Protein backbone atom coordinates (compact mmCIF):
# COMPACT_ATOMS: atom_id res chain seq x y z
CA UNK A 1 0.00 0.00 0.00
CA UNK A 2 1.37 3.41 -0.98
CA UNK A 3 1.36 5.81 1.96
CA UNK A 4 2.37 9.36 2.83
CA UNK A 5 3.24 10.55 6.30
CA UNK A 6 5.15 13.00 8.40
CA UNK A 7 8.01 11.14 10.06
CA UNK A 8 10.78 11.55 12.63
CA UNK A 9 14.10 9.73 12.23
CA UNK A 10 15.25 8.16 15.49
CA UNK A 11 18.22 6.03 14.43
CA UNK A 12 20.06 4.61 11.43
CA UNK A 13 22.83 2.10 10.83
CA UNK A 14 24.67 0.61 7.88
CA UNK A 15 22.96 -2.45 6.42
CA UNK A 16 25.30 -3.17 3.50
CA UNK A 17 27.64 -1.39 1.11
CA UNK A 18 24.57 -0.15 -0.72
CA UNK A 19 22.01 0.62 1.97
CA UNK A 20 21.21 1.80 5.49
CA UNK A 21 18.43 0.79 7.80
CA UNK A 22 16.55 3.76 9.25
CA UNK A 23 14.31 3.47 12.30
CA UNK A 24 11.59 6.04 11.78
CA UNK A 25 8.52 7.06 13.76
CA UNK A 26 5.72 7.85 11.30
CA UNK A 27 2.48 9.58 12.20
CA UNK A 28 0.27 7.25 10.17
CA UNK A 29 1.84 3.82 10.75
CA UNK A 30 3.91 4.23 13.89
CA UNK A 31 7.48 3.07 14.43
CA UNK A 32 8.90 1.32 11.35
CA UNK A 33 12.16 0.16 9.79
CA UNK A 34 13.01 1.38 6.29
CA UNK A 35 15.73 0.37 3.89
CA UNK A 36 17.41 3.46 2.44
CA UNK A 37 19.53 3.04 -0.67
CA UNK A 38 22.85 4.88 -0.76
CA UNK A 39 23.29 7.47 -3.48
CA UNK A 40 26.44 8.87 -5.02
CA UNK A 41 25.97 12.28 -3.41
CA UNK A 42 24.95 10.86 -0.02
CA UNK A 43 21.88 13.09 -0.04
CA UNK A 44 19.87 10.34 1.62
CA UNK A 45 22.31 10.03 4.52
CA UNK A 46 21.80 13.68 5.44
CA UNK A 47 18.06 13.02 5.64
CA UNK A 48 18.28 10.06 8.02
CA UNK A 49 20.21 11.75 10.82
CA UNK A 50 18.59 11.42 14.23
CA UNK A 51 15.82 13.94 14.81
CA UNK A 52 15.26 14.90 11.18
CA UNK A 53 11.63 15.81 10.51
CA UNK A 54 10.55 14.33 7.19
CA UNK A 55 7.73 13.98 4.74
CA UNK A 56 7.77 10.38 3.50
CA UNK A 57 6.19 8.49 0.64
CA UNK A 58 6.60 4.76 1.09
CA UNK A 59 5.23 1.33 0.42
CA UNK A 60 3.74 -0.22 3.54
CA UNK A 61 3.09 -3.94 3.73
CA UNK A 62 1.53 -5.53 6.80
CA UNK A 63 3.76 -8.06 8.62
CA UNK A 64 6.86 -6.96 6.69
CA UNK A 65 10.01 -6.08 8.61
CA UNK A 66 11.51 -3.61 6.11
CA UNK A 67 9.59 -1.03 4.14
CA UNK A 68 10.59 0.80 0.97
CA UNK A 69 10.83 4.59 0.71
CA UNK A 70 9.90 6.02 -2.67
CA UNK A 71 10.37 9.69 -1.76
CA UNK A 72 11.59 11.65 1.25
CA UNK A 73 12.18 15.32 1.91
CA UNK A 74 12.73 17.57 4.90
CA UNK A 75 9.41 18.74 6.28
CA UNK A 76 11.00 21.33 8.56
CA UNK A 77 14.60 22.38 7.81
CA UNK A 78 16.53 23.02 11.00
CA UNK A 79 17.18 26.67 11.82
CA UNK A 80 19.51 26.28 14.80
CA UNK A 81 19.80 22.61 15.84
CA UNK A 82 22.53 21.79 13.33
CA UNK A 83 24.44 24.95 14.28
CA UNK A 84 24.31 24.41 18.04
CA UNK A 85 26.37 21.65 19.66
CA UNK A 86 24.09 21.89 22.71
CA UNK A 87 20.84 21.46 20.81
CA UNK A 88 22.17 18.81 18.43
CA UNK A 89 23.44 16.75 21.37
CA UNK A 90 20.12 17.08 23.18
CA UNK A 91 18.29 15.85 20.06
CA UNK A 92 20.75 12.95 19.64
CA UNK A 93 20.27 11.92 23.26
CA UNK A 94 16.47 12.13 23.14
CA UNK A 95 16.33 10.17 19.89
CA UNK A 96 18.37 7.42 21.52
CA UNK A 97 15.97 7.34 24.47
CA UNK A 98 13.05 7.09 22.02
CA UNK A 99 14.81 4.51 19.85
CA UNK A 100 15.37 2.29 22.89
CA UNK A 101 11.89 2.91 24.34
CA UNK A 102 9.68 2.15 21.33
CA UNK A 103 9.05 -1.22 19.73
CA UNK A 104 8.67 -1.73 15.98
CA UNK A 105 5.01 -1.40 15.07
CA UNK A 106 4.18 0.86 18.03
CA UNK A 107 1.68 3.58 17.09
CA UNK A 108 0.76 6.69 19.09
CA UNK A 109 -0.24 9.85 17.23
CA UNK A 110 -0.30 11.92 20.42
CA UNK A 111 3.30 10.92 21.16
CA UNK A 112 4.29 11.64 17.56
CA UNK A 113 2.76 15.13 17.72
CA UNK A 114 4.47 15.79 21.05
CA UNK A 115 7.92 14.89 19.67
CA UNK A 116 7.37 16.86 16.46
CA UNK A 117 6.26 20.01 18.29
CA UNK A 118 8.95 19.68 20.97
CA UNK A 119 11.80 19.35 18.47
CA UNK A 120 10.39 22.22 16.41
CA UNK A 121 10.20 24.35 19.55
CA UNK A 122 13.79 23.55 20.51
CA UNK A 123 14.92 24.59 17.04
CA UNK A 124 13.18 27.96 17.31
CA UNK A 125 13.99 28.90 20.90
CA UNK A 126 17.19 30.17 22.50
CA UNK A 127 19.67 27.74 24.06
CA UNK A 128 17.67 25.61 26.50
CA UNK A 129 19.99 23.59 28.77
CA UNK A 130 17.16 21.85 30.66
CA UNK A 131 15.06 20.94 27.61
CA UNK A 132 15.95 17.24 27.63
CA UNK A 133 14.81 16.94 31.26
CA UNK A 134 11.41 18.48 30.56
CA UNK A 135 11.10 16.26 27.47
CA UNK A 136 11.83 13.04 29.37
CA UNK A 137 9.26 13.81 32.05
CA UNK A 138 6.55 14.48 29.43
CA UNK A 139 7.66 11.39 27.51
CA UNK A 140 7.16 9.26 30.63
CA UNK A 141 3.52 10.35 30.59
CA UNK A 142 3.03 9.22 26.99
CA UNK A 143 4.64 5.87 27.84
CA UNK A 144 2.51 5.32 30.92
CA UNK A 145 4.70 6.05 33.94
CA UNK A 146 4.39 9.78 34.62
CA UNK A 147 5.46 10.60 38.21
CA UNK A 148 2.43 10.55 40.51
CA UNK A 149 1.49 12.54 43.63
CA UNK A 150 3.67 15.56 42.81
CA UNK A 151 0.88 17.85 44.04
CA UNK A 152 1.28 16.66 47.64
CA UNK A 153 3.64 19.13 49.38
CA UNK A 154 4.21 16.64 52.22
CA UNK A 155 5.53 13.98 49.82
CA UNK A 156 9.22 14.85 49.97
CA UNK A 157 10.70 11.63 48.53
CA UNK A 158 10.37 10.17 45.06
CA UNK A 159 10.07 6.41 44.69
CA UNK A 160 11.68 5.56 41.34
CA UNK A 161 10.45 1.98 41.39
CA UNK A 162 6.79 2.82 41.97
CA UNK A 163 6.82 6.16 40.15
CA UNK A 164 5.40 8.36 42.88
CA UNK A 165 6.24 10.98 45.48
CA UNK A 166 5.90 9.68 49.04
CA UNK A 167 5.80 11.16 52.53
CA UNK A 168 7.80 8.29 54.03
CA UNK A 169 11.30 7.40 52.93
CA UNK A 170 11.10 4.22 50.78
CA UNK A 171 12.81 1.22 52.37
CA UNK A 172 14.51 0.27 49.09
CA UNK A 173 17.43 2.25 47.57
CA UNK A 174 15.63 3.15 44.32
CA UNK A 175 14.42 6.57 45.40
CA UNK A 176 15.36 10.24 45.40
CA UNK A 177 16.09 12.11 48.61
CA UNK A 178 14.15 15.36 49.24
CA UNK A 179 16.68 17.73 47.66
CA UNK A 180 16.68 16.00 44.26
CA UNK A 181 13.00 15.05 44.52
CA UNK A 182 12.26 18.78 44.81
CA UNK A 183 14.14 19.40 41.55
CA UNK A 184 12.06 16.72 39.83
CA UNK A 185 8.85 18.25 41.21
CA UNK A 186 9.94 21.65 39.90
CA UNK A 187 10.48 20.20 36.41
CA UNK A 188 7.04 18.56 36.53
CA UNK A 189 5.22 21.72 37.60
CA UNK A 190 6.82 24.12 35.14
CA UNK A 191 5.65 24.47 31.54
CA UNK A 192 8.22 23.76 28.84
CA UNK A 193 7.47 26.92 26.86
CA UNK A 194 7.84 29.32 29.78
CA UNK A 195 11.07 31.12 30.60
CA UNK A 196 12.70 29.74 33.73
CA UNK A 197 16.15 30.20 35.23
CA UNK A 198 18.20 27.13 34.23
CA UNK A 199 19.06 24.58 36.88
CA UNK A 200 22.48 24.61 38.50
CA UNK A 201 24.83 22.32 36.59
CA UNK A 202 25.07 19.88 39.50
CA UNK A 203 21.26 19.62 39.74
CA UNK A 204 20.96 19.18 35.97
CA UNK A 205 23.47 16.33 36.00
CA UNK A 206 21.83 14.64 38.99
CA UNK A 207 18.35 15.04 37.48
CA UNK A 208 19.57 13.50 34.23
CA UNK A 209 21.00 10.48 36.07
CA UNK A 210 17.76 10.11 38.02
CA UNK A 211 15.56 10.26 34.91
CA UNK A 212 17.71 7.78 33.00
CA UNK A 213 17.53 5.43 36.00
CA UNK A 214 13.76 5.96 36.09
CA UNK A 215 13.43 5.02 32.42
CA UNK A 216 15.64 1.96 32.91
CA UNK A 217 13.26 0.74 35.60
CA UNK A 218 10.12 1.24 33.51
CA UNK A 219 11.25 0.59 29.91
CA UNK A 220 12.60 -2.89 29.24
CA UNK A 221 14.50 -1.78 26.13
CA UNK A 222 16.70 0.70 27.98
CA UNK A 223 19.82 -0.81 29.52
CA UNK A 224 22.25 1.99 28.70
CA UNK A 225 21.97 5.33 26.91
CA UNK A 226 25.28 5.73 25.12
CA UNK A 227 24.87 9.43 24.31
CA UNK A 228 24.30 10.32 27.97
CA UNK A 229 28.03 10.78 28.54
CA UNK A 230 28.28 13.10 25.53
CA UNK A 231 25.39 15.16 26.87
CA UNK A 232 26.98 15.40 30.30
CA UNK A 233 30.27 16.50 28.73
CA UNK A 234 28.53 19.28 26.81
CA UNK A 235 26.98 20.61 30.02
CA UNK A 236 30.09 20.13 32.14
CA UNK A 237 30.54 23.13 34.39
C-alpha atoms as a PDB file:
ATOM      1  CA  UNK A   1       0.000   0.000   0.000  1.00  0.00           C
ATOM      2  CA  UNK A   2       1.372   3.413  -0.980  1.00  0.00           C
ATOM      3  CA  UNK A   3       1.364   5.809   1.959  1.00  0.00           C
ATOM      4  CA  UNK A   4       2.368   9.365   2.832  1.00  0.00           C
ATOM      5  CA  UNK A   5       3.241  10.546   6.300  1.00  0.00           C
ATOM      6  CA  UNK A   6       5.154  13.004   8.401  1.00  0.00           C
ATOM      7  CA  UNK A   7       8.011  11.140  10.061  1.00  0.00           C
ATOM      8  CA  UNK A   8      10.783  11.546  12.632  1.00  0.00           C
ATOM      9  CA  UNK A   9      14.100   9.733  12.227  1.00  0.00           C
ATOM     10  CA  UNK A  10      15.254   8.156  15.490  1.00  0.00           C
ATOM     11  CA  UNK A  11      18.223   6.025  14.429  1.00  0.00           C
ATOM     12  CA  UNK A  12      20.061   4.607  11.427  1.00  0.00           C
ATOM     13  CA  UNK A  13      22.828   2.097  10.830  1.00  0.00           C
ATOM     14  CA  UNK A  14      24.667   0.606   7.880  1.00  0.00           C
ATOM     15  CA  UNK A  15      22.961  -2.452   6.425  1.00  0.00           C
ATOM     16  CA  UNK A  16      25.298  -3.166   3.502  1.00  0.00           C
ATOM     17  CA  UNK A  17      27.637  -1.385   1.111  1.00  0.00           C
ATOM     18  CA  UNK A  18      24.567  -0.146  -0.716  1.00  0.00           C
ATOM     19  CA  UNK A  19      22.015   0.619   1.967  1.00  0.00           C
ATOM     20  CA  UNK A  20      21.208   1.799   5.489  1.00  0.00           C
ATOM     21  CA  UNK A  21      18.428   0.787   7.798  1.00  0.00           C
ATOM     22  CA  UNK A  22      16.553   3.758   9.249  1.00  0.00           C
ATOM     23  CA  UNK A  23      14.310   3.470  12.296  1.00  0.00           C
ATOM     24  CA  UNK A  24      11.593   6.040  11.777  1.00  0.00           C
ATOM     25  CA  UNK A  25       8.519   7.059  13.764  1.00  0.00           C
ATOM     26  CA  UNK A  26       5.716   7.852  11.298  1.00  0.00           C
ATOM     27  CA  UNK A  27       2.484   9.585  12.198  1.00  0.00           C
ATOM     28  CA  UNK A  28       0.270   7.245  10.168  1.00  0.00           C
ATOM     29  CA  UNK A  29       1.837   3.823  10.745  1.00  0.00           C
ATOM     30  CA  UNK A  30       3.912   4.225  13.895  1.00  0.00           C
ATOM     31  CA  UNK A  31       7.478   3.073  14.429  1.00  0.00           C
ATOM     32  CA  UNK A  32       8.896   1.321  11.349  1.00  0.00           C
ATOM     33  CA  UNK A  33      12.163   0.164   9.791  1.00  0.00           C
ATOM     34  CA  UNK A  34      13.009   1.381   6.292  1.00  0.00           C
ATOM     35  CA  UNK A  35      15.733   0.365   3.895  1.00  0.00           C
ATOM     36  CA  UNK A  36      17.409   3.461   2.444  1.00  0.00           C
ATOM     37  CA  UNK A  37      19.531   3.044  -0.668  1.00  0.00           C
ATOM     38  CA  UNK A  38      22.846   4.883  -0.760  1.00  0.00           C
ATOM     39  CA  UNK A  39      23.288   7.474  -3.475  1.00  0.00           C
ATOM     40  CA  UNK A  40      26.443   8.872  -5.020  1.00  0.00           C
ATOM     41  CA  UNK A  41      25.966  12.281  -3.412  1.00  0.00           C
ATOM     42  CA  UNK A  42      24.952  10.855  -0.019  1.00  0.00           C
ATOM     43  CA  UNK A  43      21.884  13.086  -0.039  1.00  0.00           C
ATOM     44  CA  UNK A  44      19.873  10.340   1.622  1.00  0.00           C
ATOM     45  CA  UNK A  45      22.314  10.026   4.517  1.00  0.00           C
ATOM     46  CA  UNK A  46      21.803  13.681   5.440  1.00  0.00           C
ATOM     47  CA  UNK A  47      18.057  13.024   5.635  1.00  0.00           C
ATOM     48  CA  UNK A  48      18.284  10.063   8.019  1.00  0.00           C
ATOM     49  CA  UNK A  49      20.207  11.746  10.815  1.00  0.00           C
ATOM     50  CA  UNK A  50      18.585  11.417  14.230  1.00  0.00           C
ATOM     51  CA  UNK A  51      15.819  13.937  14.812  1.00  0.00           C
ATOM     52  CA  UNK A  52      15.264  14.901  11.179  1.00  0.00           C
ATOM     53  CA  UNK A  53      11.630  15.814  10.505  1.00  0.00           C
ATOM     54  CA  UNK A  54      10.545  14.328   7.194  1.00  0.00           C
ATOM     55  CA  UNK A  55       7.730  13.978   4.736  1.00  0.00           C
ATOM     56  CA  UNK A  56       7.768  10.376   3.496  1.00  0.00           C
ATOM     57  CA  UNK A  57       6.192   8.495   0.641  1.00  0.00           C
ATOM     58  CA  UNK A  58       6.601   4.760   1.094  1.00  0.00           C
ATOM     59  CA  UNK A  59       5.229   1.326   0.424  1.00  0.00           C
ATOM     60  CA  UNK A  60       3.738  -0.224   3.544  1.00  0.00           C
ATOM     61  CA  UNK A  61       3.092  -3.944   3.733  1.00  0.00           C
ATOM     62  CA  UNK A  62       1.530  -5.530   6.796  1.00  0.00           C
ATOM     63  CA  UNK A  63       3.759  -8.057   8.616  1.00  0.00           C
ATOM     64  CA  UNK A  64       6.864  -6.964   6.691  1.00  0.00           C
ATOM     65  CA  UNK A  65      10.013  -6.077   8.607  1.00  0.00           C
ATOM     66  CA  UNK A  66      11.506  -3.609   6.112  1.00  0.00           C
ATOM     67  CA  UNK A  67       9.589  -1.033   4.137  1.00  0.00           C
ATOM     68  CA  UNK A  68      10.588   0.803   0.965  1.00  0.00           C
ATOM     69  CA  UNK A  69      10.830   4.589   0.705  1.00  0.00           C
ATOM     70  CA  UNK A  70       9.899   6.019  -2.666  1.00  0.00           C
ATOM     71  CA  UNK A  71      10.366   9.693  -1.758  1.00  0.00           C
ATOM     72  CA  UNK A  72      11.588  11.651   1.247  1.00  0.00           C
ATOM     73  CA  UNK A  73      12.185  15.316   1.909  1.00  0.00           C
ATOM     74  CA  UNK A  74      12.726  17.570   4.895  1.00  0.00           C
ATOM     75  CA  UNK A  75       9.413  18.738   6.277  1.00  0.00           C
ATOM     76  CA  UNK A  76      11.001  21.328   8.563  1.00  0.00           C
ATOM     77  CA  UNK A  77      14.596  22.375   7.805  1.00  0.00           C
ATOM     78  CA  UNK A  78      16.533  23.020  11.001  1.00  0.00           C
ATOM     79  CA  UNK A  79      17.177  26.672  11.824  1.00  0.00           C
ATOM     80  CA  UNK A  80      19.507  26.275  14.804  1.00  0.00           C
ATOM     81  CA  UNK A  81      19.800  22.609  15.836  1.00  0.00           C
ATOM     82  CA  UNK A  82      22.535  21.787  13.334  1.00  0.00           C
ATOM     83  CA  UNK A  83      24.439  24.954  14.279  1.00  0.00           C
ATOM     84  CA  UNK A  84      24.309  24.408  18.038  1.00  0.00           C
ATOM     85  CA  UNK A  85      26.365  21.649  19.655  1.00  0.00           C
ATOM     86  CA  UNK A  86      24.094  21.888  22.713  1.00  0.00           C
ATOM     87  CA  UNK A  87      20.836  21.455  20.814  1.00  0.00           C
ATOM     88  CA  UNK A  88      22.165  18.812  18.428  1.00  0.00           C
ATOM     89  CA  UNK A  89      23.445  16.749  21.368  1.00  0.00           C
ATOM     90  CA  UNK A  90      20.122  17.083  23.177  1.00  0.00           C
ATOM     91  CA  UNK A  91      18.293  15.847  20.062  1.00  0.00           C
ATOM     92  CA  UNK A  92      20.746  12.951  19.637  1.00  0.00           C
ATOM     93  CA  UNK A  93      20.265  11.916  23.262  1.00  0.00           C
ATOM     94  CA  UNK A  94      16.473  12.127  23.143  1.00  0.00           C
ATOM     95  CA  UNK A  95      16.328  10.175  19.890  1.00  0.00           C
ATOM     96  CA  UNK A  96      18.366   7.418  21.518  1.00  0.00           C
ATOM     97  CA  UNK A  97      15.966   7.343  24.473  1.00  0.00           C
ATOM     98  CA  UNK A  98      13.049   7.089  22.024  1.00  0.00           C
ATOM     99  CA  UNK A  99      14.806   4.508  19.854  1.00  0.00           C
ATOM    100  CA  UNK A 100      15.367   2.290  22.886  1.00  0.00           C
ATOM    101  CA  UNK A 101      11.889   2.906  24.339  1.00  0.00           C
ATOM    102  CA  UNK A 102       9.679   2.154  21.329  1.00  0.00           C
ATOM    103  CA  UNK A 103       9.050  -1.216  19.725  1.00  0.00           C
ATOM    104  CA  UNK A 104       8.670  -1.726  15.983  1.00  0.00           C
ATOM    105  CA  UNK A 105       5.006  -1.400  15.068  1.00  0.00           C
ATOM    106  CA  UNK A 106       4.184   0.860  18.031  1.00  0.00           C
ATOM    107  CA  UNK A 107       1.680   3.579  17.094  1.00  0.00           C
ATOM    108  CA  UNK A 108       0.761   6.685  19.085  1.00  0.00           C
ATOM    109  CA  UNK A 109      -0.245   9.847  17.234  1.00  0.00           C
ATOM    110  CA  UNK A 110      -0.299  11.919  20.419  1.00  0.00           C
ATOM    111  CA  UNK A 111       3.299  10.924  21.156  1.00  0.00           C
ATOM    112  CA  UNK A 112       4.287  11.637  17.557  1.00  0.00           C
ATOM    113  CA  UNK A 113       2.765  15.127  17.720  1.00  0.00           C
ATOM    114  CA  UNK A 114       4.471  15.794  21.054  1.00  0.00           C
ATOM    115  CA  UNK A 115       7.917  14.890  19.666  1.00  0.00           C
ATOM    116  CA  UNK A 116       7.372  16.863  16.456  1.00  0.00           C
ATOM    117  CA  UNK A 117       6.259  20.008  18.288  1.00  0.00           C
ATOM    118  CA  UNK A 118       8.951  19.680  20.972  1.00  0.00           C
ATOM    119  CA  UNK A 119      11.803  19.345  18.466  1.00  0.00           C
ATOM    120  CA  UNK A 120      10.388  22.223  16.406  1.00  0.00           C
ATOM    121  CA  UNK A 121      10.196  24.354  19.546  1.00  0.00           C
ATOM    122  CA  UNK A 122      13.794  23.552  20.513  1.00  0.00           C
ATOM    123  CA  UNK A 123      14.921  24.585  17.040  1.00  0.00           C
ATOM    124  CA  UNK A 124      13.177  27.960  17.306  1.00  0.00           C
ATOM    125  CA  UNK A 125      13.992  28.904  20.900  1.00  0.00           C
ATOM    126  CA  UNK A 126      17.193  30.170  22.498  1.00  0.00           C
ATOM    127  CA  UNK A 127      19.670  27.742  24.063  1.00  0.00           C
ATOM    128  CA  UNK A 128      17.672  25.611  26.501  1.00  0.00           C
ATOM    129  CA  UNK A 129      19.987  23.591  28.766  1.00  0.00           C
ATOM    130  CA  UNK A 130      17.158  21.853  30.665  1.00  0.00           C
ATOM    131  CA  UNK A 131      15.058  20.942  27.613  1.00  0.00           C
ATOM    132  CA  UNK A 132      15.955  17.237  27.634  1.00  0.00           C
ATOM    133  CA  UNK A 133      14.813  16.937  31.255  1.00  0.00           C
ATOM    134  CA  UNK A 134      11.407  18.480  30.561  1.00  0.00           C
ATOM    135  CA  UNK A 135      11.100  16.258  27.468  1.00  0.00           C
ATOM    136  CA  UNK A 136      11.833  13.038  29.372  1.00  0.00           C
ATOM    137  CA  UNK A 137       9.264  13.815  32.048  1.00  0.00           C
ATOM    138  CA  UNK A 138       6.553  14.477  29.434  1.00  0.00           C
ATOM    139  CA  UNK A 139       7.661  11.385  27.506  1.00  0.00           C
ATOM    140  CA  UNK A 140       7.162   9.260  30.625  1.00  0.00           C
ATOM    141  CA  UNK A 141       3.519  10.347  30.586  1.00  0.00           C
ATOM    142  CA  UNK A 142       3.034   9.217  26.992  1.00  0.00           C
ATOM    143  CA  UNK A 143       4.644   5.874  27.837  1.00  0.00           C
ATOM    144  CA  UNK A 144       2.506   5.319  30.918  1.00  0.00           C
ATOM    145  CA  UNK A 145       4.704   6.045  33.937  1.00  0.00           C
ATOM    146  CA  UNK A 146       4.390   9.785  34.623  1.00  0.00           C
ATOM    147  CA  UNK A 147       5.461  10.603  38.208  1.00  0.00           C
ATOM    148  CA  UNK A 148       2.428  10.553  40.513  1.00  0.00           C
ATOM    149  CA  UNK A 149       1.486  12.541  43.635  1.00  0.00           C
ATOM    150  CA  UNK A 150       3.669  15.563  42.808  1.00  0.00           C
ATOM    151  CA  UNK A 151       0.879  17.853  44.038  1.00  0.00           C
ATOM    152  CA  UNK A 152       1.277  16.662  47.642  1.00  0.00           C
ATOM    153  CA  UNK A 153       3.643  19.125  49.380  1.00  0.00           C
ATOM    154  CA  UNK A 154       4.205  16.644  52.218  1.00  0.00           C
ATOM    155  CA  UNK A 155       5.531  13.983  49.825  1.00  0.00           C
ATOM    156  CA  UNK A 156       9.222  14.853  49.971  1.00  0.00           C
ATOM    157  CA  UNK A 157      10.695  11.633  48.534  1.00  0.00           C
ATOM    158  CA  UNK A 158      10.368  10.172  45.055  1.00  0.00           C
ATOM    159  CA  UNK A 159      10.066   6.412  44.694  1.00  0.00           C
ATOM    160  CA  UNK A 160      11.682   5.557  41.345  1.00  0.00           C
ATOM    161  CA  UNK A 161      10.453   1.975  41.390  1.00  0.00           C
ATOM    162  CA  UNK A 162       6.787   2.819  41.972  1.00  0.00           C
ATOM    163  CA  UNK A 163       6.819   6.156  40.152  1.00  0.00           C
ATOM    164  CA  UNK A 164       5.402   8.359  42.882  1.00  0.00           C
ATOM    165  CA  UNK A 165       6.240  10.978  45.481  1.00  0.00           C
ATOM    166  CA  UNK A 166       5.898   9.679  49.042  1.00  0.00           C
ATOM    167  CA  UNK A 167       5.796  11.163  52.527  1.00  0.00           C
ATOM    168  CA  UNK A 168       7.802   8.292  54.026  1.00  0.00           C
ATOM    169  CA  UNK A 169      11.305   7.403  52.933  1.00  0.00           C
ATOM    170  CA  UNK A 170      11.098   4.223  50.781  1.00  0.00           C
ATOM    171  CA  UNK A 171      12.807   1.225  52.366  1.00  0.00           C
ATOM    172  CA  UNK A 172      14.514   0.274  49.091  1.00  0.00           C
ATOM    173  CA  UNK A 173      17.433   2.253  47.565  1.00  0.00           C
ATOM    174  CA  UNK A 174      15.630   3.152  44.322  1.00  0.00           C
ATOM    175  CA  UNK A 175      14.419   6.570  45.401  1.00  0.00           C
ATOM    176  CA  UNK A 176      15.362  10.244  45.397  1.00  0.00           C
ATOM    177  CA  UNK A 177      16.090  12.105  48.614  1.00  0.00           C
ATOM    178  CA  UNK A 178      14.148  15.357  49.241  1.00  0.00           C
ATOM    179  CA  UNK A 179      16.682  17.729  47.660  1.00  0.00           C
ATOM    180  CA  UNK A 180      16.684  16.004  44.262  1.00  0.00           C
ATOM    181  CA  UNK A 181      12.997  15.048  44.516  1.00  0.00           C
ATOM    182  CA  UNK A 182      12.260  18.782  44.814  1.00  0.00           C
ATOM    183  CA  UNK A 183      14.140  19.398  41.547  1.00  0.00           C
ATOM    184  CA  UNK A 184      12.058  16.717  39.833  1.00  0.00           C
ATOM    185  CA  UNK A 185       8.853  18.252  41.207  1.00  0.00           C
ATOM    186  CA  UNK A 186       9.945  21.650  39.896  1.00  0.00           C
ATOM    187  CA  UNK A 187      10.475  20.205  36.405  1.00  0.00           C
ATOM    188  CA  UNK A 188       7.039  18.559  36.533  1.00  0.00           C
ATOM    189  CA  UNK A 189       5.217  21.720  37.596  1.00  0.00           C
ATOM    190  CA  UNK A 190       6.817  24.123  35.138  1.00  0.00           C
ATOM    191  CA  UNK A 191       5.648  24.474  31.544  1.00  0.00           C
ATOM    192  CA  UNK A 192       8.224  23.763  28.840  1.00  0.00           C
ATOM    193  CA  UNK A 193       7.472  26.919  26.856  1.00  0.00           C
ATOM    194  CA  UNK A 194       7.840  29.316  29.784  1.00  0.00           C
ATOM    195  CA  UNK A 195      11.070  31.123  30.596  1.00  0.00           C
ATOM    196  CA  UNK A 196      12.696  29.744  33.730  1.00  0.00           C
ATOM    197  CA  UNK A 197      16.150  30.201  35.232  1.00  0.00           C
ATOM    198  CA  UNK A 198      18.199  27.128  34.234  1.00  0.00           C
ATOM    199  CA  UNK A 199      19.065  24.578  36.877  1.00  0.00           C
ATOM    200  CA  UNK A 200      22.477  24.605  38.503  1.00  0.00           C
ATOM    201  CA  UNK A 201      24.830  22.320  36.585  1.00  0.00           C
ATOM    202  CA  UNK A 202      25.071  19.881  39.504  1.00  0.00           C
ATOM    203  CA  UNK A 203      21.265  19.616  39.738  1.00  0.00           C
ATOM    204  CA  UNK A 204      20.956  19.178  35.969  1.00  0.00           C
ATOM    205  CA  UNK A 205      23.473  16.328  36.004  1.00  0.00           C
ATOM    206  CA  UNK A 206      21.831  14.637  38.994  1.00  0.00           C
ATOM    207  CA  UNK A 207      18.350  15.035  37.484  1.00  0.00           C
ATOM    208  CA  UNK A 208      19.573  13.504  34.229  1.00  0.00           C
ATOM    209  CA  UNK A 209      20.996  10.481  36.066  1.00  0.00           C
ATOM    210  CA  UNK A 210      17.758  10.112  38.017  1.00  0.00           C
ATOM    211  CA  UNK A 211      15.558  10.264  34.913  1.00  0.00           C
ATOM    212  CA  UNK A 212      17.711   7.784  33.001  1.00  0.00           C
ATOM    213  CA  UNK A 213      17.531   5.429  36.001  1.00  0.00           C
ATOM    214  CA  UNK A 214      13.759   5.960  36.094  1.00  0.00           C
ATOM    215  CA  UNK A 215      13.429   5.017  32.424  1.00  0.00           C
ATOM    216  CA  UNK A 216      15.641   1.955  32.912  1.00  0.00           C
ATOM    217  CA  UNK A 217      13.258   0.738  35.598  1.00  0.00           C
ATOM    218  CA  UNK A 218      10.122   1.236  33.507  1.00  0.00           C
ATOM    219  CA  UNK A 219      11.254   0.590  29.907  1.00  0.00           C
ATOM    220  CA  UNK A 220      12.601  -2.892  29.235  1.00  0.00           C
ATOM    221  CA  UNK A 221      14.502  -1.777  26.126  1.00  0.00           C
ATOM    222  CA  UNK A 222      16.705   0.702  27.978  1.00  0.00           C
ATOM    223  CA  UNK A 223      19.819  -0.814  29.517  1.00  0.00           C
ATOM    224  CA  UNK A 224      22.253   1.989  28.702  1.00  0.00           C
ATOM    225  CA  UNK A 225      21.968   5.329  26.912  1.00  0.00           C
ATOM    226  CA  UNK A 226      25.282   5.731  25.123  1.00  0.00           C
ATOM    227  CA  UNK A 227      24.868   9.427  24.310  1.00  0.00           C
ATOM    228  CA  UNK A 228      24.301  10.318  27.972  1.00  0.00           C
ATOM    229  CA  UNK A 229      28.033  10.784  28.541  1.00  0.00           C
ATOM    230  CA  UNK A 230      28.284  13.100  25.528  1.00  0.00           C
ATOM    231  CA  UNK A 231      25.386  15.163  26.866  1.00  0.00           C
ATOM    232  CA  UNK A 232      26.978  15.398  30.300  1.00  0.00           C
ATOM    233  CA  UNK A 233      30.268  16.496  28.726  1.00  0.00           C
ATOM    234  CA  UNK A 234      28.526  19.285  26.806  1.00  0.00           C
ATOM    235  CA  UNK A 235      26.982  20.608  30.019  1.00  0.00           C
ATOM    236  CA  UNK A 236      30.090  20.128  32.142  1.00  0.00           C
ATOM    237  CA  UNK A 237      30.539  23.134  34.389  1.00  0.00           C
END
